[in-house]
Amino acid sequence: MTGWSLRFRNIVDVDGQLLALDRDVVDPATLLAAANRPADRQLWLLRAGERLLVQASQMIRLSADEVLFFETADERGSRSEWSAMRLAA
């Protein structure tokens, strides 16, 4: 009998959705697709209480030691529904 061992090195959070990725470097389009978010959304990295815009061509280095948190916004800068719910809580 063959046993399966699924190991993912990196965990990221996009709009409250946890994603397990087995790669060390990822681009924003791949993250948006994995989270089922529209490709035209802006991706923001949340770190130390700041929102940092991730450029479309920017590669993101993932670390097995930390979970990276991202949120999306449309081209006007409107945050996702998840962000509004999180702020209301």
Foldseek 3Di string as FASTA:
>chain_A
DDDDDDDAQFWEAELNDIDGHNDFKDFPQVVCVRVVHDSQWWKWWQDPNDTHTGDRPDIDGTHSVDYIYIWTHHPVRHTDPSVVVVVVD
